[in-house]
Amino acid sequence: MHILIIGAGDIGFQLAKRLSQEKHDITMIEADPQKVQRASEQLDAIVLGGNGASYRMLKTANLEKMEIVAAMTDSDEANLMACRLAKRSGVRTTIARVRHPQFTQQDFILSPEDLGTDLILHPEREAADAVVHLIRKSVATYAVEFEGGRIELLGLRLTQDSPYLNIPLRLLGQETDNLHLRIVAINRNYHTVIPKGHDALAAGDQVFIVCDHDYSSRVIELAGKKPAQLKNVMILGGGLIGQFIASRLEKEANVKIIESNINTARRLADILPHTLIIHGDGTDFDLLEHEGLADMDAFVAVTGRDENNIITTLLAQHSNVSRSIALVNNAAYLSIVGKIGMDAVVSKQSLTVNAVQRYIRQQQVASIAGLPGIEAEVIEYIASEGCKITHKELKATRFPRNAIVGAVMRQDELIIPHGDTQIEPGDKVLVFALPQALNELEKLFDQEPSRGRLAHYLRV
């Protein structure tokens, strides 16, 4: 597929890297010479220097050959203009990244069609939604929903108090059968294991569990913890992400925002009537202590500096704050945050890249959140008529050893599968897999290449 990406900043760069790995033909337009050089040297893409909102530049990039245009610059106006020009030129799919909230509000006077976009993404709002979801999931280190919230995938860190340690999973499955859950992956010592019946859980494991939404609170007992009450929340950083988080939580909890810019702090005080705005340096531990860090139920660091977010989140954990979440965008940091004790991390760039990728795959993904330290994919397939997965029961199917079926949706029925479960045509099948298993999975679910439809894709 021929894809034009406008903007080679963090989001555009990561998007091009991901899509080129999937063998798409990528062309990029970037105005900054340094970013042009970086992209040219590190990406398998044609990189052009220039203004992506210029029709002449778009034509130079062979706009007429493009099937998708994704405008990912920092300028809303440039992104929307590029999409409008592309759509007028006959490009089938256009995607725009925007920062101003007005473009994603339901009462905005111009529709996406008026703006020439098939999809408008607001990375800050996506990040805020992911943070709020994690906060409300209490002790979960990761949480995402499928099928309109009917199915949940939760990440939990096990403690010594977990009642299910050192029990083979085949026996544990019998004990928890009424909970409608399945353990689909274990992160142990920074190594991802797709579990088998003989495996057992250990203290310190990060486990990923697929479950019925109605049982999610009981599933949290696996971590040896109880769902925490949400009374006090501290947010470091009053940018758009911090603002969105506060607006979602201020009516159900006591919310504080610490913001270093006095003008931003004053603006927040005007638009967030139920939130306490504190002007100060959030990296000052004395200030955090004075403002009651140790009394917080949740601490969220969403400043523009990854280093500050990481350090202050570690300070919050040191102060025994039960729920601490950091915004981390640097890909180099994402690969190590798990190793330094950080479980709950959200990446604005990863969220946006995944959102674009799912739309490119025919709107085939439901929800996305970042998870450091694990190279795995959650895929929800729709079993097509005649595909190999429907021929036999799961126990008789040559299923990849590095993959596991977590749940099956059959019309309105949620099935937590066992060995004697047989997939039927039309079933939606949630699979957790390591990268090396993907080719085999495609063969199981595809009658012919590209025949079986991939419904959801999530890189965690």
Protein backbone atom coordinates (compact mmCIF):
# COMPACT_ATOMS: atom_id res chain seq x y z
CA MET A 1 0.00 0.00 0.00
CA HIS A 2 1.30 3.49 -0.88
CA ILE A 3 1.15 5.75 2.18
CA LEU A 4 2.17 9.39 2.50
CA ILE A 5 3.07 10.58 6.00
CA ILE A 6 3.35 14.31 6.56
CA GLY A 7 5.62 15.18 9.44
CA ALA A 8 8.69 13.25 10.63
CA GLY A 9 8.48 14.24 14.27
CA ASP A 10 8.14 11.64 17.03
CA ILE A 11 4.69 10.46 15.93
CA GLY A 12 5.35 10.53 12.18
CA PHE A 13 8.71 8.83 12.60
CA GLN A 14 7.29 6.00 14.73
CA LEU A 15 4.34 5.58 12.38
CA ALA A 16 6.62 5.30 9.34
CA LYS A 17 8.84 2.82 11.15
CA ARG A 18 5.87 0.63 12.08
CA LEU A 19 4.22 0.74 8.66
CA SER A 20 7.43 0.11 6.75
CA GLN A 21 7.92 -3.03 8.86
CA GLU A 22 4.59 -4.18 7.46
CA LYS A 23 6.01 -3.76 3.93
CA HIS A 24 4.00 -0.67 2.98
CA ASP A 25 5.60 1.81 0.57
CA ILE A 26 6.17 4.92 2.67
CA THR A 27 6.82 8.48 1.49
CA MET A 28 7.34 11.31 3.99
CA ILE A 29 7.31 15.10 3.79
CA GLU A 30 9.07 17.10 6.53
CA ALA A 31 10.02 20.78 6.69
CA ASP A 32 12.79 20.49 9.32
CA PRO A 33 16.13 19.56 7.63
CA GLN A 34 17.39 17.76 10.75
CA LYS A 35 14.29 15.58 10.91
CA VAL A 36 14.58 14.92 7.18
CA GLN A 37 18.13 13.70 7.67
CA ARG A 38 17.20 11.51 10.64
CA ALA A 39 14.28 9.91 8.82
CA SER A 40 16.33 9.40 5.66
CA GLU A 41 19.08 7.62 7.57
CA GLN A 42 16.94 5.46 9.84
CA LEU A 43 13.74 4.64 7.95
CA ASP A 44 12.91 2.53 4.93
CA ALA A 45 11.05 5.41 3.30
CA ILE A 46 11.34 8.12 0.68
CA VAL A 47 11.80 11.34 2.66
CA LEU A 48 11.27 14.74 1.03
CA GLY A 49 12.04 18.14 2.51
CA GLY A 50 9.26 20.69 2.21
CA ASN A 51 5.86 21.95 3.33
CA GLY A 52 3.32 19.14 3.51
CA ALA A 53 0.41 21.59 3.24
CA SER A 54 1.63 22.78 -0.18
CA TYR A 55 -0.21 21.30 -3.13
CA ARG A 56 2.94 21.55 -5.26
CA MET A 57 4.88 19.61 -2.61
CA LEU A 58 2.16 17.00 -2.38
CA LYS A 59 2.27 16.53 -6.16
CA THR A 60 6.06 16.16 -5.96
CA ALA A 61 5.43 13.32 -3.50
CA ASN A 62 3.22 11.59 -6.12
CA LEU A 63 -0.01 12.35 -4.30
CA GLU A 64 -2.06 10.81 -7.11
CA LYS A 65 -0.53 7.39 -6.35
CA MET A 66 -1.21 7.50 -2.63
CA GLU A 67 -3.89 5.35 -1.06
CA ILE A 68 -3.54 6.91 2.40
CA VAL A 69 -2.36 10.31 3.62
CA ALA A 70 -1.61 10.64 7.35
CA ALA A 71 -0.83 14.22 8.43
CA MET A 72 1.06 14.05 11.75
CA THR A 73 2.75 17.46 12.11
CA ASP A 74 2.41 19.71 15.18
CA SER A 75 0.22 22.14 13.20
CA ASP A 76 -3.53 21.50 13.13
CA GLU A 77 -3.95 23.85 10.20
CA ALA A 78 -1.22 22.18 8.13
CA ASN A 79 -2.59 18.71 8.84
CA LEU A 80 -6.15 19.61 7.93
CA MET A 81 -5.10 21.49 4.79
CA ALA A 82 -3.00 18.54 3.63
CA CYS A 83 -5.91 16.16 4.17
CA ARG A 84 -8.33 18.43 2.36
CA LEU A 85 -5.99 18.73 -0.63
CA ALA A 86 -5.44 14.99 -0.63
CA LYS A 87 -9.13 14.20 -0.47
CA ARG A 88 -9.87 16.62 -3.31
CA SER A 89 -7.15 14.88 -5.31
CA GLY A 90 -8.88 11.54 -4.95
CA VAL A 91 -6.94 9.97 -2.07
CA ARG A 92 -9.13 7.27 -0.56
CA THR A 93 -8.20 7.66 3.14
CA THR A 94 -7.00 10.75 5.00
CA ILE A 95 -6.01 10.93 8.68
CA ALA A 96 -5.20 14.11 10.60
CA ARG A 97 -3.61 14.61 13.98
CA VAL A 98 -4.95 17.67 15.83
CA ARG A 99 -4.27 19.30 19.19
CA HIS A 100 -7.12 21.78 19.55
CA PRO A 101 -10.07 20.11 21.32
CA GLN A 102 -12.66 21.84 19.14
CA PHE A 103 -12.01 19.57 16.17
CA THR A 104 -13.07 16.43 18.08
CA GLN A 105 -16.07 17.91 19.86
CA GLN A 106 -19.44 16.61 18.71
CA ASP A 107 -20.95 20.10 18.39
CA PHE A 108 -18.11 21.46 16.21
CA ILE A 109 -19.64 23.26 13.23
CA LEU A 110 -17.53 21.40 10.64
CA SER A 111 -17.79 17.64 10.26
CA PRO A 112 -14.75 15.47 9.45
CA GLU A 113 -16.14 15.27 5.92
CA ASP A 114 -16.16 19.09 5.70
CA LEU A 115 -12.54 19.08 6.84
CA GLY A 116 -11.57 16.44 4.28
CA THR A 117 -10.64 13.82 6.88
CA ASP A 118 -11.76 10.25 7.38
CA LEU A 119 -10.24 10.15 10.86
CA ILE A 120 -9.26 12.92 13.27
CA LEU A 121 -6.94 11.91 16.11
CA HIS A 122 -6.35 13.91 19.27
CA PRO A 123 -3.26 12.35 20.92
CA GLU A 124 -3.67 14.33 24.14
CA ARG A 125 -7.24 13.18 24.60
CA GLU A 126 -6.29 9.60 23.75
CA ALA A 127 -3.55 9.72 26.40
CA ALA A 128 -5.89 11.24 28.99
CA ASP A 129 -8.50 8.54 28.35
CA ALA A 130 -5.85 5.83 28.81
CA VAL A 131 -4.68 7.39 32.10
CA VAL A 132 -8.20 7.69 33.49
CA HIS A 133 -8.94 4.11 32.53
CA LEU A 134 -5.83 2.92 34.38
CA ILE A 135 -6.65 5.03 37.45
CA ARG A 136 -10.12 3.55 37.65
CA LYS A 137 -8.70 0.05 37.35
CA SER A 138 -6.88 0.64 40.60
CA VAL A 139 -4.00 -1.85 40.92
CA ALA A 140 -3.95 -2.80 37.23
CA THR A 141 -0.74 -1.96 35.42
CA TYR A 142 -2.51 -2.21 32.09
CA ALA A 143 -6.14 -2.19 31.00
CA VAL A 144 -7.90 -2.25 27.64
CA GLU A 145 -11.43 -3.14 26.58
CA PHE A 146 -12.79 -5.10 23.62
CA GLU A 147 -16.28 -5.59 22.27
CA GLY A 148 -17.63 -2.36 23.70
CA GLY A 149 -16.30 -3.12 27.17
CA ARG A 150 -17.66 -6.67 27.41
CA ILE A 151 -14.15 -8.15 27.45
CA GLU A 152 -11.24 -6.72 29.44
CA LEU A 153 -7.53 -7.39 29.24
CA LEU A 154 -5.89 -6.53 32.56
CA GLY A 155 -2.23 -6.47 33.56
CA LEU A 156 -1.59 -7.20 37.25
CA ARG A 157 1.57 -7.38 39.34
CA LEU A 158 1.40 -10.30 41.76
CA THR A 159 2.45 -9.95 45.40
CA GLN A 160 3.23 -12.52 48.07
CA ASP A 161 -0.39 -12.15 49.23
CA SER A 162 -1.85 -13.53 46.02
CA PRO A 163 -3.90 -16.66 46.80
CA TYR A 164 -2.97 -18.29 43.50
CA LEU A 165 0.81 -18.61 43.66
CA ASN A 166 2.65 -21.83 42.85
CA ILE A 167 -0.45 -23.58 41.49
CA PRO A 168 -0.21 -25.13 38.00
CA LEU A 169 -2.45 -23.17 35.67
CA ARG A 170 -4.39 -26.27 34.65
CA LEU A 171 -5.50 -26.62 38.28
CA LEU A 172 -5.95 -22.90 38.75
CA GLY A 173 -8.22 -22.88 35.73
CA GLN A 174 -10.52 -25.34 37.48
CA GLU A 175 -10.65 -23.15 40.60
CA THR A 176 -11.39 -19.94 38.69
CA ASP A 177 -13.65 -21.35 36.00
CA ASN A 178 -16.64 -19.46 37.39
CA LEU A 179 -14.78 -16.15 37.10
CA HIS A 180 -14.76 -16.19 33.29
CA LEU A 181 -11.04 -15.40 33.04
CA ARG A 182 -7.97 -16.71 31.32
CA ILE A 183 -4.31 -15.92 31.93
CA VAL A 184 -2.85 -15.24 28.49
CA ALA A 185 0.68 -14.03 29.27
CA ILE A 186 3.21 -13.75 32.06
CA ASN A 187 6.00 -11.18 32.19
CA ARG A 188 8.67 -12.69 34.45
CA ASN A 189 12.07 -11.04 34.82
CA TYR A 190 11.34 -8.98 31.68
CA HIS A 191 10.73 -12.10 29.62
CA THR A 192 7.29 -12.74 28.14
CA VAL A 193 5.85 -16.25 28.52
CA ILE A 194 2.73 -17.52 26.79
CA PRO A 195 1.63 -19.88 29.59
CA LYS A 196 0.86 -23.59 29.37
CA GLY A 197 -0.99 -25.82 31.81
CA HIS A 198 2.12 -26.81 33.76
CA ASP A 199 3.24 -23.21 34.36
CA ALA A 200 2.62 -21.64 37.78
CA LEU A 201 2.46 -18.05 38.97
CA ALA A 202 5.10 -16.49 41.24
CA ALA A 203 5.33 -13.36 43.32
CA GLY A 204 6.58 -10.46 41.21
CA ASP A 205 5.04 -11.79 37.99
CA GLN A 206 3.14 -9.37 35.81
CA VAL A 207 0.22 -11.37 34.49
CA PHE A 208 -2.18 -10.49 31.69
CA ILE A 209 -5.71 -11.74 32.15
CA VAL A 210 -8.65 -11.77 29.77
CA CYS A 211 -11.95 -11.67 31.63
CA ASP A 212 -15.61 -10.80 31.52
CA HIS A 213 -16.00 -7.13 32.46
CA ASP A 214 -18.45 -8.02 35.23
CA TYR A 215 -15.76 -10.06 37.00
CA SER A 216 -12.86 -7.61 36.67
CA SER A 217 -12.99 -6.46 40.31
CA ARG A 218 -12.76 -10.06 41.51
CA VAL A 219 -9.93 -10.79 39.10
CA ILE A 220 -7.90 -8.08 40.84
CA GLU A 221 -7.77 -10.43 43.84
CA LEU A 222 -5.21 -12.39 41.82
CA ALA A 223 -2.76 -9.61 42.58
CA GLY A 224 -3.30 -10.03 46.32
CA LYS A 225 -4.79 -6.56 46.56
CA LYS A 226 -8.18 -4.96 46.92
CA PRO A 227 -9.51 -2.24 44.62
CA ALA A 228 -8.42 1.09 46.10
CA GLN A 229 -10.79 3.98 46.69
CA LEU A 230 -10.18 7.04 44.57
CA LYS A 231 -10.39 10.10 46.79
CA ASN A 232 -7.25 12.14 46.16
CA VAL A 233 -5.45 12.58 42.84
CA MET A 234 -2.36 14.68 42.10
CA ILE A 235 -1.49 15.59 38.51
CA LEU A 236 1.92 16.97 37.58
CA GLY A 237 1.60 19.05 34.44
CA GLY A 238 -1.27 21.29 33.39
CA GLY A 239 -1.07 20.85 29.65
CA LEU A 240 -3.92 19.44 27.61
CA ILE A 241 -3.46 15.92 28.95
CA GLY A 242 -3.50 17.07 32.57
CA GLN A 243 -6.49 19.29 31.85
CA PHE A 244 -8.46 16.45 30.25
CA ILE A 245 -7.65 14.07 33.12
CA ALA A 246 -8.76 16.61 35.72
CA SER A 247 -11.98 17.39 33.89
CA ARG A 248 -12.85 13.68 33.91
CA LEU A 249 -12.05 13.12 37.58
CA GLU A 250 -12.71 16.37 39.44
CA LYS A 251 -16.34 15.54 40.24
CA GLU A 252 -15.52 12.16 41.76
CA ALA A 253 -12.25 12.90 43.57
CA ASN A 254 -10.19 15.70 45.09
CA VAL A 255 -7.88 16.67 42.24
CA LYS A 256 -4.74 18.82 42.42
CA ILE A 257 -2.71 20.01 39.43
CA ILE A 258 0.83 21.26 39.90
CA GLU A 259 1.84 23.54 37.03
CA SER A 260 5.08 25.53 36.70
CA ASN A 261 3.80 28.12 34.20
CA ILE A 262 1.83 30.87 35.93
CA ASN A 263 -0.26 31.75 32.86
CA THR A 264 -1.25 28.12 32.33
CA ALA A 265 -2.06 27.79 36.04
CA ARG A 266 -4.36 30.82 35.88
CA ARG A 267 -6.12 29.50 32.79
CA LEU A 268 -6.68 26.13 34.43
CA ALA A 269 -8.15 27.80 37.50
CA ASP A 270 -10.76 29.41 35.26
CA ILE A 271 -11.83 26.27 33.40
CA LEU A 272 -11.55 23.62 36.16
CA PRO A 273 -13.78 24.89 39.00
CA HIS A 274 -13.50 21.75 41.13
CA THR A 275 -9.73 21.28 40.79
CA LEU A 276 -7.08 22.87 43.02
CA ILE A 277 -4.39 24.49 40.85
CA ILE A 278 -0.96 24.91 42.43
CA HIS A 279 1.70 27.04 40.78
CA GLY A 280 5.08 25.48 41.49
CA ASP A 281 7.90 23.18 40.42
CA GLY A 282 6.57 19.65 40.53
CA THR A 283 10.08 18.19 40.56
CA ASP A 284 10.63 19.79 43.98
CA PHE A 285 10.07 16.88 46.37
CA ASP A 286 9.52 19.26 49.29
CA LEU A 287 6.64 20.82 47.38
CA LEU A 288 5.16 17.41 46.61
CA GLU A 289 5.41 16.41 50.25
CA HIS A 290 3.90 19.70 51.40
CA GLU A 291 0.94 19.18 49.05
CA GLY A 292 0.28 15.74 50.51
CA LEU A 293 1.89 13.35 48.06
CA ALA A 294 1.85 10.52 50.61
CA ASP A 295 -1.92 10.92 51.03
CA MET A 296 -2.71 10.54 47.33
CA ASP A 297 -4.58 7.57 45.94
CA ALA A 298 -3.17 8.34 42.50
CA PHE A 299 -0.28 10.38 41.11
CA VAL A 300 -0.02 11.18 37.41
CA ALA A 301 2.98 12.86 35.76
CA VAL A 302 2.13 14.24 32.32
CA THR A 303 4.58 17.07 31.75
CA GLY A 304 6.38 17.56 28.46
CA ARG A 305 9.59 16.05 29.84
CA ASP A 306 9.83 12.29 30.12
CA GLU A 307 12.67 12.54 32.63
CA ASN A 308 10.59 14.61 35.04
CA ASN A 309 7.65 12.26 34.66
CA ILE A 310 9.78 9.20 35.39
CA ILE A 311 11.56 10.70 38.39
CA THR A 312 8.45 12.08 40.06
CA THR A 313 6.52 8.86 39.49
CA LEU A 314 9.31 6.92 41.18
CA LEU A 315 9.15 9.41 44.06
CA ALA A 316 5.41 8.79 44.30
CA GLN A 317 6.00 5.04 44.43
CA HIS A 318 8.63 5.61 47.13
CA SER A 319 5.95 7.51 49.09
CA ASN A 320 3.67 4.45 48.80
CA VAL A 321 1.16 6.06 46.46
CA SER A 322 -0.88 3.06 45.33
CA ARG A 323 -1.49 4.29 41.77
CA SER A 324 1.25 6.13 39.88
CA ILE A 325 1.26 6.67 36.11
CA ALA A 326 3.79 8.43 33.90
CA LEU A 327 3.54 9.83 30.40
CA VAL A 328 6.62 8.54 28.56
CA ASN A 329 7.07 9.14 24.84
CA ASN A 330 10.73 8.48 24.15
CA ALA A 331 10.91 4.99 22.64
CA ALA A 332 14.30 4.43 24.29
CA TYR A 333 12.75 5.04 27.71
CA LEU A 334 9.73 2.84 27.02
CA SER A 335 11.99 -0.17 26.68
CA ILE A 336 13.49 0.26 30.17
CA VAL A 337 10.76 1.71 32.40
CA GLY A 338 9.62 -1.75 33.46
CA LYS A 339 13.13 -2.59 34.57
CA ILE A 340 13.27 0.37 36.95
CA GLY A 341 10.03 -0.56 38.66
CA MET A 342 7.46 1.41 36.67
CA ASP A 343 4.43 -0.60 35.68
CA ALA A 344 1.81 1.87 34.46
CA VAL A 345 3.09 4.00 31.58
CA VAL A 346 1.19 5.78 28.81
CA SER A 347 2.79 6.90 25.55
CA LYS A 348 1.05 9.57 23.50
CA GLN A 349 3.08 8.62 20.46
CA SER A 350 2.33 4.90 20.76
CA LEU A 351 -1.37 5.55 21.25
CA THR A 352 -1.51 7.70 18.15
CA VAL A 353 0.56 5.36 16.00
CA ASN A 354 -1.60 2.41 17.00
CA ALA A 355 -4.77 4.37 16.32
CA VAL A 356 -3.56 5.20 12.82
CA GLN A 357 -2.47 1.64 12.23
CA ARG A 358 -5.81 0.21 13.26
CA TYR A 359 -7.63 2.56 10.90
CA ILE A 360 -5.34 1.62 8.05
CA ARG A 361 -6.28 -1.98 8.74
CA GLN A 362 -9.92 -1.16 7.94
CA GLN A 363 -10.73 0.21 11.41
CA GLN A 364 -9.81 -3.16 12.83
CA VAL A 365 -8.77 -2.21 16.40
CA ALA A 366 -10.91 -1.20 19.35
CA SER A 367 -8.67 0.16 22.10
CA ILE A 368 -4.98 0.86 22.57
CA ALA A 369 -2.70 1.61 25.46
CA GLY A 370 1.07 1.50 25.86
CA LEU A 371 2.80 -1.23 27.84
CA PRO A 372 6.57 -1.13 28.35
CA GLY A 373 8.83 -4.10 28.17
CA ILE A 374 6.67 -6.62 26.31
CA GLU A 375 6.79 -7.47 22.63
CA ALA A 376 3.43 -9.09 22.04
CA GLU A 377 0.28 -8.51 20.08
CA VAL A 378 -3.38 -8.88 20.92
CA ILE A 379 -5.33 -9.77 17.81
CA GLU A 380 -9.04 -10.28 17.50
CA TYR A 381 -9.76 -12.36 14.43
CA ILE A 382 -13.11 -13.05 12.83
CA ALA A 383 -13.17 -16.70 11.82
CA SER A 384 -14.21 -16.93 8.17
CA GLU A 385 -16.13 -19.77 6.58
CA GLY A 386 -13.79 -22.67 5.88
CA CYS A 387 -10.67 -21.34 7.61
CA LYS A 388 -8.50 -23.97 9.31
CA ILE A 389 -9.26 -22.84 12.87
CA THR A 390 -12.89 -23.97 12.44
CA HIS A 391 -12.04 -27.53 11.39
CA LYS A 392 -11.25 -29.06 14.79
CA GLU A 393 -11.46 -28.50 18.54
CA LEU A 394 -8.66 -26.30 19.87
CA LYS A 395 -6.90 -29.25 21.56
CA ALA A 396 -6.70 -31.01 18.20
CA THR A 397 -5.53 -27.92 16.31
CA ARG A 398 -1.84 -27.28 15.66
CA PHE A 399 -1.92 -23.95 17.43
CA PRO A 400 1.36 -21.93 17.64
CA ARG A 401 3.14 -22.54 20.95
CA ASN A 402 3.78 -18.82 21.34
CA ALA A 403 0.11 -17.90 21.10
CA ILE A 404 -3.03 -18.51 23.15
CA VAL A 405 -6.75 -17.96 22.65
CA GLY A 406 -8.03 -15.74 25.44
CA ALA A 407 -11.72 -15.37 24.63
CA VAL A 408 -14.32 -16.06 21.99
CA MET A 409 -17.36 -13.89 21.25
CA ARG A 410 -20.15 -15.89 19.61
CA GLN A 411 -22.91 -13.41 18.84
CA ASP A 412 -23.68 -12.04 22.34
CA GLU A 413 -22.12 -14.94 24.24
CA LEU A 414 -18.68 -14.65 25.82
CA ILE A 415 -16.77 -17.95 25.88
CA ILE A 416 -13.57 -18.48 27.85
CA PRO A 417 -12.18 -21.33 25.74
CA HIS A 418 -10.89 -24.73 26.81
CA GLY A 419 -9.29 -27.52 24.83
CA ASP A 420 -12.64 -28.89 23.72
CA THR A 421 -13.86 -25.51 22.41
CA GLN A 422 -14.37 -25.44 18.65
CA ILE A 423 -14.28 -22.13 16.81
CA GLU A 424 -17.24 -21.54 14.51
CA PRO A 425 -17.48 -19.31 11.42
CA GLY A 426 -18.34 -15.77 12.50
CA ASP A 427 -16.76 -16.10 15.96
CA LYS A 428 -14.56 -13.24 17.14
CA VAL A 429 -11.43 -14.82 18.59
CA LEU A 430 -9.13 -12.84 20.90
CA VAL A 431 -5.55 -14.13 20.59
CA PHE A 432 -2.46 -13.08 22.56
CA ALA A 433 0.71 -13.87 20.60
CA LEU A 434 4.42 -13.25 20.39
CA PRO A 435 5.65 -11.96 17.00
CA GLN A 436 7.10 -15.30 15.91
CA ALA A 437 3.62 -16.89 16.00
CA LEU A 438 1.89 -14.41 13.69
CA ASN A 439 2.56 -16.18 10.39
CA GLU A 440 1.12 -19.43 11.70
CA LEU A 441 -1.92 -17.60 13.08
CA GLU A 442 -2.60 -16.01 9.72
CA LYS A 443 -2.63 -19.46 8.12
CA LEU A 444 -5.08 -20.77 10.74
CA PHE A 445 -7.51 -17.90 10.29
CA ASP A 446 -7.12 -17.31 6.57
CA GLN A 447 -8.69 -19.57 3.99
CA GLU A 448 -6.49 -17.84 1.42
CA PRO A 449 -4.08 -14.92 1.85
CA SER A 450 -5.98 -11.83 3.01
CA ARG A 451 -9.33 -13.69 3.07
CA GLY A 452 -9.90 -13.98 6.85
CA ARG A 453 -10.62 -10.52 8.24
CA LEU A 454 -8.44 -9.19 11.03
CA ALA A 455 -10.78 -7.38 13.38
CA HIS A 456 -8.51 -5.92 16.05
CA TYR A 457 -4.80 -5.32 16.29
CA LEU A 458 -2.91 -4.12 19.35
CA ARG A 459 0.80 -3.88 19.89
CA VAL A 460 1.47 -3.74 23.61
